[in-house]
């Protein structure tokens, strides 16, 4: 999954859903959507941890 670079989880999920629809030419079914949301949240949280660590190292 690509980096989200979104400022909020909601924004990251919204973008991920839009990208899915563009790539697959349909809206995700409930199982696809659940997986997409889960994967997006994991990636977003991972990015936030990286940002926090980078900020801590700069101090």
N, C-alpha and C. Protein backbone atom coordinates (compact mmCIF):
# COMPACT_ATOMS: atom_id res chain seq x y z
N UNK A 1 0.85 -1.18 0.00
CA UNK A 1 0.00 0.00 0.00
C UNK A 1 0.89 1.23 0.00
N UNK A 2 0.59 2.19 -0.84
CA UNK A 2 1.40 3.41 -0.90
C UNK A 2 1.21 4.27 0.34
N UNK A 3 2.17 5.13 0.57
CA UNK A 3 2.05 6.06 1.69
C UNK A 3 0.85 6.96 1.47
N UNK A 4 0.15 7.26 2.57
CA UNK A 4 -1.04 8.09 2.46
C UNK A 4 -0.72 9.57 2.46
N UNK A 5 0.22 9.99 3.29
CA UNK A 5 0.59 11.39 3.45
C UNK A 5 -0.63 12.26 3.78
N UNK A 6 -1.65 11.66 4.38
CA UNK A 6 -2.85 12.40 4.77
C UNK A 6 -2.68 12.90 6.20
N UNK A 7 -3.33 14.02 6.49
CA UNK A 7 -3.20 14.59 7.83
C UNK A 7 -4.12 13.92 8.84
N UNK A 8 -5.17 13.24 8.38
CA UNK A 8 -6.09 12.54 9.29
C UNK A 8 -6.40 11.15 8.75
N UNK A 9 -6.87 10.28 9.65
CA UNK A 9 -7.28 8.94 9.22
C UNK A 9 -8.43 9.04 8.23
N UNK A 10 -9.38 9.92 8.53
CA UNK A 10 -10.55 10.07 7.66
C UNK A 10 -10.14 10.46 6.24
N UNK A 11 -9.21 11.38 6.14
CA UNK A 11 -8.72 11.80 4.82
C UNK A 11 -8.03 10.64 4.10
N UNK A 12 -7.23 9.90 4.83
CA UNK A 12 -6.53 8.76 4.24
C UNK A 12 -7.52 7.72 3.72
N UNK A 13 -8.56 7.45 4.49
CA UNK A 13 -9.57 6.48 4.07
C UNK A 13 -10.32 6.99 2.85
N UNK A 14 -10.68 8.24 2.86
CA UNK A 14 -11.40 8.84 1.73
C UNK A 14 -10.58 8.71 0.45
N UNK A 15 -9.31 9.04 0.53
CA UNK A 15 -8.43 8.96 -0.64
C UNK A 15 -8.29 7.51 -1.10
N UNK A 16 -8.13 6.60 -0.15
CA UNK A 16 -7.98 5.18 -0.50
C UNK A 16 -9.22 4.66 -1.22
N UNK A 17 -10.40 5.07 -0.76
CA UNK A 17 -11.64 4.64 -1.42
C UNK A 17 -11.73 5.21 -2.84
N UNK A 18 -11.35 6.47 -3.00
CA UNK A 18 -11.37 7.08 -4.33
C UNK A 18 -10.40 6.36 -5.27
N UNK A 19 -9.21 6.07 -4.79
CA UNK A 19 -8.21 5.38 -5.62
C UNK A 19 -8.71 3.99 -6.00
N UNK A 20 -9.29 3.28 -5.04
CA UNK A 20 -9.82 1.95 -5.32
C UNK A 20 -10.85 2.03 -6.45
N UNK A 21 -11.77 2.98 -6.35
CA UNK A 21 -12.81 3.10 -7.37
C UNK A 21 -12.24 3.44 -8.74
N UNK A 22 -11.22 4.28 -8.77
CA UNK A 22 -10.60 4.64 -10.05
C UNK A 22 -9.89 3.43 -10.67
N UNK A 23 -9.20 2.66 -9.84
CA UNK A 23 -8.43 1.53 -10.33
C UNK A 23 -9.33 0.37 -10.74
N UNK A 24 -10.32 0.07 -9.92
CA UNK A 24 -11.16 -1.11 -10.14
C UNK A 24 -12.48 -0.82 -10.86
N UNK A 25 -12.78 0.45 -11.07
CA UNK A 25 -13.97 0.87 -11.80
C UNK A 25 -15.27 0.39 -11.15
N UNK A 26 -15.25 0.24 -9.84
CA UNK A 26 -16.47 -0.05 -9.08
C UNK A 26 -16.21 0.28 -7.62
N UNK A 27 -17.29 0.45 -6.88
CA UNK A 27 -17.15 0.69 -5.45
C UNK A 27 -16.80 -0.64 -4.77
N UNK A 28 -16.02 -0.58 -3.71
CA UNK A 28 -15.65 -1.82 -3.03
C UNK A 28 -16.86 -2.47 -2.37
N UNK A 29 -16.90 -3.82 -2.42
CA UNK A 29 -17.95 -4.51 -1.69
C UNK A 29 -17.60 -4.42 -0.20
N UNK A 30 -18.48 -4.84 0.69
CA UNK A 30 -18.20 -4.69 2.13
C UNK A 30 -16.89 -5.33 2.59
N UNK A 31 -16.54 -6.48 2.06
CA UNK A 31 -15.29 -7.13 2.45
C UNK A 31 -14.07 -6.35 1.95
N UNK A 32 -14.14 -5.89 0.70
CA UNK A 32 -13.04 -5.10 0.15
C UNK A 32 -12.88 -3.80 0.93
N UNK A 33 -14.02 -3.18 1.24
CA UNK A 33 -13.99 -1.91 1.95
C UNK A 33 -13.39 -2.08 3.35
N UNK A 34 -13.79 -3.14 4.05
CA UNK A 34 -13.26 -3.39 5.39
C UNK A 34 -11.74 -3.59 5.34
N UNK A 35 -11.29 -4.34 4.38
CA UNK A 35 -9.85 -4.59 4.24
C UNK A 35 -9.11 -3.30 3.87
N UNK A 36 -9.67 -2.54 2.95
CA UNK A 36 -9.07 -1.28 2.54
C UNK A 36 -8.97 -0.30 3.71
N UNK A 37 -10.04 -0.19 4.48
CA UNK A 37 -10.04 0.71 5.64
C UNK A 37 -8.99 0.25 6.65
N UNK A 38 -8.96 -1.04 6.93
CA UNK A 38 -8.00 -1.58 7.89
C UNK A 38 -6.56 -1.33 7.44
N UNK A 39 -6.27 -1.65 6.20
CA UNK A 39 -4.91 -1.46 5.67
C UNK A 39 -4.52 0.01 5.65
N UNK A 40 -5.47 0.87 5.30
CA UNK A 40 -5.21 2.30 5.25
C UNK A 40 -4.90 2.85 6.64
N UNK A 41 -5.67 2.43 7.63
CA UNK A 41 -5.43 2.89 8.99
C UNK A 41 -4.07 2.42 9.48
N UNK A 42 -3.71 1.17 9.21
CA UNK A 42 -2.39 0.67 9.62
C UNK A 42 -1.28 1.50 9.00
N UNK A 43 -1.39 1.78 7.70
CA UNK A 43 -0.36 2.56 7.01
C UNK A 43 -0.30 3.98 7.56
N UNK A 44 -1.47 4.59 7.79
CA UNK A 44 -1.52 5.96 8.31
C UNK A 44 -0.87 6.02 9.68
N UNK A 45 -1.19 5.06 10.55
CA UNK A 45 -0.62 5.04 11.90
C UNK A 45 0.90 4.82 11.84
N UNK A 46 1.34 3.96 10.94
CA UNK A 46 2.78 3.73 10.76
C UNK A 46 3.48 5.03 10.36
N UNK A 47 2.88 5.76 9.44
CA UNK A 47 3.45 7.03 9.01
C UNK A 47 3.51 8.03 10.16
N UNK A 48 2.49 8.05 11.00
CA UNK A 48 2.47 8.97 12.13
C UNK A 48 3.58 8.64 13.12
N UNK A 49 3.83 7.36 13.34
CA UNK A 49 4.92 6.95 14.22
C UNK A 49 6.26 7.40 13.64
N UNK A 50 6.43 7.25 12.31
CA UNK A 50 7.67 7.70 11.67
C UNK A 50 7.86 9.21 11.86
N UNK A 51 6.79 9.97 11.73
CA UNK A 51 6.86 11.42 11.89
C UNK A 51 7.24 11.76 13.33
N UNK A 52 6.64 11.08 14.30
CA UNK A 52 6.95 11.33 15.71
C UNK A 52 8.41 11.00 16.01
N UNK A 53 8.91 9.89 15.47
CA UNK A 53 10.30 9.51 15.70
C UNK A 53 11.25 10.50 15.04
N UNK A 54 10.91 10.96 13.86
CA UNK A 54 11.76 11.94 13.17
C UNK A 54 11.80 13.23 13.97
N UNK A 55 10.67 13.62 14.53
CA UNK A 55 10.61 14.83 15.35
C UNK A 55 11.41 14.69 16.63
N UNK A 56 11.36 13.51 17.24
CA UNK A 56 12.10 13.27 18.47
C UNK A 56 13.61 13.25 18.21
N UNK A 57 14.01 12.73 17.07
CA UNK A 57 15.42 12.69 16.73
C UNK A 57 15.97 14.07 16.44
N UNK A 58 15.12 14.97 15.98
CA UNK A 58 15.56 16.32 15.66
C UNK A 58 15.85 17.14 16.92
N UNK A 59 15.30 16.68 18.05
CA UNK A 59 15.52 17.43 19.30
C UNK A 59 16.87 17.21 19.84
